[in-house]
Amino acid sequence: MRFLDKWLPYFTGMLDNLPIRKSAKRCNISVKTAFKWRHQFLSLPNKVKAQRLSGIVEIDETLFRYSEKGSRTLSRKAHKRGGDCAGRGRGKGDWVAVLVARDRNKQVFDECLDSADSVTLLGLLENKIAADSVVCSDGFLSYLKMTQDMKVEHKILNASHGKRVKEGVFHIQNVNA
């Protein structure tokens, strides 16, 4: 990471979707260096998380397909491309739950979840959400218990009943986007 003057051109090449070899050639660095830089730049969002969320805080969880792409040894039996190990639907081992919390100042906190119970959520968010905040979420019961324990106001939205916005300002559309 010594060549500070080459970081911006390299990052611009990443934004232009250039392959590693072309990025290395454009910046006059080795392919090995370009590969290391790419992984350094891509790991930055994992290191930069919001320290404090305030105001209207939107919370929701999302699911990503579990992947061991690039691993030399798999922790499960291999299955065909695109298929679930448990068959149809969302097999428990096929998905990873990620909690995402975002305030209206565009501060974002995210974390992979082993469990989505209220104790886990409270441990993750208790020191992240300001006491005078309003939390907006779907009707997940763990969010209700967590907000009661934190003593913050909670607005529950039920999209299946057509309740996507409450009082004109409370919604979870930003965090879902």
C-alpha atoms as a PDB file:
ATOM      1  CA  MET A   1       0.000   0.000   0.000  1.00  0.00           C
ATOM      2  CA  ARG A   2       3.046   2.267  -0.462  1.00  0.00           C
ATOM      3  CA  PHE A   3       2.117   3.895  -3.787  1.00  0.00           C
ATOM      4  CA  LEU A   4      -0.363   6.513  -2.553  1.00  0.00           C
ATOM      5  CA  ASP A   5      -0.332   8.346  -5.880  1.00  0.00           C
ATOM      6  CA  LYS A   6      -1.642   5.209  -7.656  1.00  0.00           C
ATOM      7  CA  TRP A   7      -4.560   4.460  -5.342  1.00  0.00           C
ATOM      8  CA  LEU A   8      -7.034   6.839  -6.984  1.00  0.00           C
ATOM      9  CA  PRO A   9      -6.364   5.653 -10.561  1.00  0.00           C
ATOM     10  CA  TYR A  10      -6.581   2.053  -9.362  1.00  0.00           C
ATOM     11  CA  PHE A  11      -9.857   2.685  -7.518  1.00  0.00           C
ATOM     12  CA  THR A  12     -11.231   4.449 -10.622  1.00  0.00           C
ATOM     13  CA  GLY A  13     -10.358   1.318 -12.606  1.00  0.00           C
ATOM     14  CA  MET A  14     -12.303  -0.760 -10.074  1.00  0.00           C
ATOM     15  CA  LEU A  15     -15.321   1.520 -10.517  1.00  0.00           C
ATOM     16  CA  ASP A  16     -14.972   1.060 -14.288  1.00  0.00           C
ATOM     17  CA  ASN A  17     -15.095  -2.742 -13.740  1.00  0.00           C
ATOM     18  CA  LEU A  18     -11.610  -3.273 -15.150  1.00  0.00           C
ATOM     19  CA  PRO A  19     -10.102  -6.723 -14.611  1.00  0.00           C
ATOM     20  CA  ILE A  20      -7.102  -6.975 -12.300  1.00  0.00           C
ATOM     21  CA  ARG A  21      -4.578  -7.319 -15.146  1.00  0.00           C
ATOM     22  CA  LYS A  22      -5.834  -4.213 -16.969  1.00  0.00           C
ATOM     23  CA  SER A  23      -5.946  -2.230 -13.705  1.00  0.00           C
ATOM     24  CA  ALA A  24      -2.370  -3.272 -12.949  1.00  0.00           C
ATOM     25  CA  LYS A  25      -1.208  -2.263 -16.408  1.00  0.00           C
ATOM     26  CA  ARG A  26      -3.006   1.103 -16.230  1.00  0.00           C
ATOM     27  CA  CYS A  27      -1.385   1.940 -12.857  1.00  0.00           C
ATOM     28  CA  ASN A  28       1.989   0.384 -13.655  1.00  0.00           C
ATOM     29  CA  ILE A  29       1.912  -2.036 -10.694  1.00  0.00           C
ATOM     30  CA  SER A  30       2.259  -5.806 -10.522  1.00  0.00           C
ATOM     31  CA  VAL A  31      -0.755  -8.099 -10.826  1.00  0.00           C
ATOM     32  CA  LYS A  32      -0.012  -9.400  -7.324  1.00  0.00           C
ATOM     33  CA  THR A  33      -0.173  -5.845  -5.941  1.00  0.00           C
ATOM     34  CA  ALA A  34      -3.389  -5.146  -7.863  1.00  0.00           C
ATOM     35  CA  PHE A  35      -4.958  -8.294  -6.417  1.00  0.00           C
ATOM     36  CA  LYS A  36      -3.990  -7.293  -2.848  1.00  0.00           C
ATOM     37  CA  TRP A  37      -5.271  -3.748  -3.342  1.00  0.00           C
ATOM     38  CA  ARG A  38      -8.596  -4.966  -4.696  1.00  0.00           C
ATOM     39  CA  HIS A  39      -9.165  -7.077  -1.614  1.00  0.00           C
ATOM     40  CA  GLN A  40      -8.081  -4.242   0.666  1.00  0.00           C
ATOM     41  CA  PHE A  41     -10.506  -1.810  -0.977  1.00  0.00           C
ATOM     42  CA  LEU A  42     -13.352  -4.328  -1.003  1.00  0.00           C
ATOM     43  CA  SER A  43     -12.902  -5.078   2.692  1.00  0.00           C
ATOM     44  CA  LEU A  44     -13.265  -1.412   3.722  1.00  0.00           C
ATOM     45  CA  PRO A  45     -17.086  -1.413   4.068  1.00  0.00           C
ATOM     46  CA  ASN A  46     -16.768  -4.260   6.594  1.00  0.00           C
ATOM     47  CA  LYS A  47     -14.440  -2.139   8.733  1.00  0.00           C
ATOM     48  CA  VAL A  48     -16.451   1.093   8.593  1.00  0.00           C
ATOM     49  CA  LYS A  49     -19.714   0.765  10.531  1.00  0.00           C
ATOM     50  CA  ALA A  50     -21.873   3.387  12.151  1.00  0.00           C
ATOM     51  CA  GLN A  51     -20.951   3.971  15.782  1.00  0.00           C
ATOM     52  CA  ARG A  52     -24.226   5.704  16.647  1.00  0.00           C
ATOM     53  CA  LEU A  53     -27.654   5.727  15.012  1.00  0.00           C
ATOM     54  CA  SER A  54     -30.140   8.461  15.911  1.00  0.00           C
ATOM     55  CA  GLY A  55     -33.438   9.992  14.887  1.00  0.00           C
ATOM     56  CA  ILE A  56     -35.595   7.627  12.855  1.00  0.00           C
ATOM     57  CA  VAL A  57     -33.794   4.270  12.726  1.00  0.00           C
ATOM     58  CA  GLU A  58     -34.989   1.620  10.291  1.00  0.00           C
ATOM     59  CA  ILE A  59     -34.202  -2.023  11.080  1.00  0.00           C
ATOM     60  CA  ASP A  60     -34.715  -5.144   9.007  1.00  0.00           C
ATOM     61  CA  GLU A  61     -32.975  -8.410   8.349  1.00  0.00           C
ATOM     62  CA  THR A  62     -32.181  -9.842   4.959  1.00  0.00           C
ATOM     63  CA  LEU A  63     -31.070 -13.269   3.799  1.00  0.00           C
ATOM     64  CA  PHE A  64     -28.139 -14.069   1.526  1.00  0.00           C
ATOM     65  CA  ARG A  65     -27.401 -17.443   0.025  1.00  0.00           C
ATOM     66  CA  TYR A  66     -24.555 -19.149   1.901  1.00  0.00           C
ATOM     67  CA  SER A  67     -21.494 -19.592  -0.303  1.00  0.00           C
ATOM     68  CA  GLU A  68     -18.149 -21.281   0.077  1.00  0.00           C
ATOM     69  CA  LYS A  69     -16.976 -20.192  -3.342  1.00  0.00           C
ATOM     70  CA  GLY A  70     -13.216 -20.293  -3.541  1.00  0.00           C
ATOM     71  CA  SER A  71     -12.825 -22.651  -0.575  1.00  0.00           C
ATOM     72  CA  ARG A  72     -10.603 -25.651  -1.085  1.00  0.00           C
ATOM     73  CA  THR A  73     -12.633 -27.738   1.340  1.00  0.00           C
ATOM     74  CA  LEU A  74     -16.399 -27.532   1.769  1.00  0.00           C
ATOM     75  CA  SER A  75     -18.169 -27.850   5.107  1.00  0.00           C
ATOM     76  CA  ARG A  76     -21.104 -29.506   3.349  1.00  0.00           C
ATOM     77  CA  LYS A  77     -21.727 -31.942   0.537  1.00  0.00           C
ATOM     78  CA  ALA A  78     -21.476 -30.291  -2.899  1.00  0.00           C
ATOM     79  CA  HIS A  79     -24.725 -29.665  -4.769  1.00  0.00           C
ATOM     80  CA  LYS A  80     -25.537 -28.577  -8.299  1.00  0.00           C
ATOM     81  CA  ARG A  81     -25.467 -24.928  -9.278  1.00  0.00           C
ATOM     82  CA  GLY A  82     -28.400 -22.926  -7.991  1.00  0.00           C
ATOM     83  CA  GLY A  83     -29.879 -25.795  -5.999  1.00  0.00           C
ATOM     84  CA  ASP A  84     -30.623 -25.815  -2.289  1.00  0.00           C
ATOM     85  CA  CYS A  85     -29.290 -28.609  -0.104  1.00  0.00           C
ATOM     86  CA  ALA A  86     -32.629 -28.905   1.633  1.00  0.00           C
ATOM     87  CA  GLY A  87     -34.651 -29.003  -1.613  1.00  0.00           C
ATOM     88  CA  ARG A  88     -37.305 -26.402  -2.336  1.00  0.00           C
ATOM     89  CA  GLY A  89     -37.740 -23.333  -0.181  1.00  0.00           C
ATOM     90  CA  ARG A  90     -35.260 -21.813   2.226  1.00  0.00           C
ATOM     91  CA  GLY A  91     -33.274 -24.608   3.805  1.00  0.00           C
ATOM     92  CA  LYS A  92     -31.710 -23.533   7.102  1.00  0.00           C
ATOM     93  CA  GLY A  93     -28.129 -24.221   6.006  1.00  0.00           C
ATOM     94  CA  ASP A  94     -28.498 -22.439   2.666  1.00  0.00           C
ATOM     95  CA  TRP A  95     -28.969 -18.894   3.960  1.00  0.00           C
ATOM     96  CA  VAL A  96     -27.152 -16.358   6.127  1.00  0.00           C
ATOM     97  CA  ALA A  97     -29.213 -13.753   7.994  1.00  0.00           C
ATOM     98  CA  VAL A  98     -27.850 -10.200   8.091  1.00  0.00           C
ATOM     99  CA  LEU A  99     -29.229  -7.475  10.357  1.00  0.00           C
ATOM    100  CA  VAL A 100     -29.217  -4.012   8.770  1.00  0.00           C
ATOM    101  CA  ALA A 101     -29.983  -0.809  10.702  1.00  0.00           C
ATOM    102  CA  ARG A 102     -29.983   2.607   9.021  1.00  0.00           C
ATOM    103  CA  ASP A 103     -30.896   6.065  10.211  1.00  0.00           C
ATOM    104  CA  ARG A 104     -32.071   8.971   8.064  1.00  0.00           C
ATOM    105  CA  ASN A 105     -28.561  10.477   8.184  1.00  0.00           C
ATOM    106  CA  LYS A 106     -27.468   7.482   6.075  1.00  0.00           C
ATOM    107  CA  GLN A 107     -25.458   5.928   8.901  1.00  0.00           C
ATOM    108  CA  VAL A 108     -25.554   2.146   8.456  1.00  0.00           C
ATOM    109  CA  PHE A 109     -24.834  -0.730  10.830  1.00  0.00           C
ATOM    110  CA  ASP A 110     -24.903  -4.334   9.634  1.00  0.00           C
ATOM    111  CA  GLU A 111     -23.952  -7.642  11.196  1.00  0.00           C
ATOM    112  CA  CYS A 112     -24.322 -11.331  10.343  1.00  0.00           C
ATOM    113  CA  LEU A 113     -26.685 -13.078  12.729  1.00  0.00           C
ATOM    114  CA  ASP A 114     -26.260 -16.538  14.217  1.00  0.00           C
ATOM    115  CA  SER A 115     -29.538 -16.048  16.021  1.00  0.00           C
ATOM    116  CA  ALA A 116     -32.223 -13.385  15.638  1.00  0.00           C
ATOM    117  CA  ASP A 117     -33.576 -13.468  19.185  1.00  0.00           C
ATOM    118  CA  SER A 118     -34.122 -10.305  21.213  1.00  0.00           C
ATOM    119  CA  VAL A 119     -31.083 -10.903  23.454  1.00  0.00           C
ATOM    120  CA  THR A 120     -28.745 -11.074  20.436  1.00  0.00           C
ATOM    121  CA  LEU A 121     -30.335  -8.001  18.834  1.00  0.00           C
ATOM    122  CA  LEU A 122     -30.145  -6.082  22.112  1.00  0.00           C
ATOM    123  CA  GLY A 123     -26.462  -6.964  22.467  1.00  0.00           C
ATOM    124  CA  LEU A 124     -25.735  -5.695  18.949  1.00  0.00           C
ATOM    125  CA  LEU A 125     -27.812  -2.495  18.991  1.00  0.00           C
ATOM    126  CA  GLU A 126     -28.085  -1.394  22.629  1.00  0.00           C
ATOM    127  CA  ASN A 127     -25.105   0.981  22.437  1.00  0.00           C
ATOM    128  CA  LYS A 128     -25.681   1.915  18.783  1.00  0.00           C
ATOM    129  CA  ILE A 129     -29.154   3.519  18.974  1.00  0.00           C
ATOM    130  CA  ALA A 130     -29.630   6.833  20.784  1.00  0.00           C
ATOM    131  CA  ALA A 131     -32.211   6.878  23.606  1.00  0.00           C
ATOM    132  CA  ASP A 132     -34.429   9.508  21.925  1.00  0.00           C
ATOM    133  CA  SER A 133     -34.648   7.597  18.618  1.00  0.00           C
ATOM    134  CA  VAL A 134     -37.697   6.071  16.960  1.00  0.00           C
ATOM    135  CA  VAL A 135     -37.162   2.548  15.636  1.00  0.00           C
ATOM    136  CA  CYS A 136     -39.154   1.406  12.594  1.00  0.00           C
ATOM    137  CA  SER A 137     -39.332  -2.287  11.751  1.00  0.00           C
ATOM    138  CA  ASP A 138     -41.561  -5.051  10.506  1.00  0.00           C
ATOM    139  CA  GLY A 139     -43.647  -7.042  12.984  1.00  0.00           C
ATOM    140  CA  PHE A 140     -40.820  -9.388  14.052  1.00  0.00           C
ATOM    141  CA  LEU A 141     -41.388 -10.053  17.782  1.00  0.00           C
ATOM    142  CA  SER A 142     -37.682  -9.888  18.665  1.00  0.00           C
ATOM    143  CA  TYR A 143     -37.636  -6.221  17.565  1.00  0.00           C
ATOM    144  CA  LEU A 144     -40.600  -5.487  19.841  1.00  0.00           C
ATOM    145  CA  LYS A 145     -38.887  -7.043  22.879  1.00  0.00           C
ATOM    146  CA  MET A 146     -35.549  -5.362  22.026  1.00  0.00           C
ATOM    147  CA  THR A 147     -37.093  -1.870  21.785  1.00  0.00           C
ATOM    148  CA  GLN A 148     -38.994  -2.398  25.049  1.00  0.00           C
ATOM    149  CA  ASP A 149     -35.744  -3.346  26.804  1.00  0.00           C
ATOM    150  CA  MET A 150     -33.973  -0.314  25.275  1.00  0.00           C
ATOM    151  CA  LYS A 151     -36.914   1.961  26.174  1.00  0.00           C
ATOM    152  CA  VAL A 152     -37.103   3.545  22.711  1.00  0.00           C
ATOM    153  CA  GLU A 153     -40.220   4.302  20.701  1.00  0.00           C
ATOM    154  CA  HIS A 154     -41.086   1.587  18.161  1.00  0.00           C
ATOM    155  CA  LYS A 155     -43.221   1.882  15.029  1.00  0.00           C
ATOM    156  CA  ILE A 156     -44.300  -1.482  13.602  1.00  0.00           C
ATOM    157  CA  LEU A 157     -45.097  -1.676   9.893  1.00  0.00           C
ATOM    158  CA  ASN A 158     -47.015  -4.574   8.402  1.00  0.00           C
ATOM    159  CA  ALA A 159     -46.485  -4.664   4.627  1.00  0.00           C
ATOM    160  CA  SER A 160     -48.687  -7.742   4.207  1.00  0.00           C
ATOM    161  CA  HIS A 161     -51.637  -5.662   5.472  1.00  0.00           C
ATOM    162  CA  GLY A 162     -50.721  -2.696   3.261  1.00  0.00           C
ATOM    163  CA  LYS A 163     -49.116  -0.681   6.094  1.00  0.00           C
ATOM    164  CA  ARG A 164     -45.879   0.470   4.453  1.00  0.00           C
ATOM    165  CA  VAL A 165     -45.883   4.020   5.902  1.00  0.00           C
ATOM    166  CA  LYS A 166     -47.084   5.270   9.284  1.00  0.00           C
ATOM    167  CA  GLU A 167     -47.897   8.902  10.001  1.00  0.00           C
ATOM    168  CA  GLY A 168     -46.336   9.939   6.694  1.00  0.00           C
ATOM    169  CA  VAL A 169     -42.700   9.544   7.814  1.00  0.00           C
ATOM    170  CA  PHE A 170     -42.184   6.153   9.456  1.00  0.00           C
ATOM    171  CA  HIS A 171     -41.227   3.397   7.017  1.00  0.00           C
ATOM    172  CA  ILE A 172     -38.468   0.864   6.312  1.00  0.00           C
ATOM    173  CA  GLN A 173     -38.023   1.563   2.619  1.00  0.00           C
ATOM    174  CA  ASN A 174     -34.478   3.009   2.980  1.00  0.00           C
ATOM    175  CA  VAL A 175     -33.110   0.009   4.826  1.00  0.00           C
ATOM    176  CA  ASN A 176     -34.830  -2.378   2.410  1.00  0.00           C
ATOM    177  CA  ALA A 177     -33.328  -0.554  -0.554  1.00  0.00           C
END
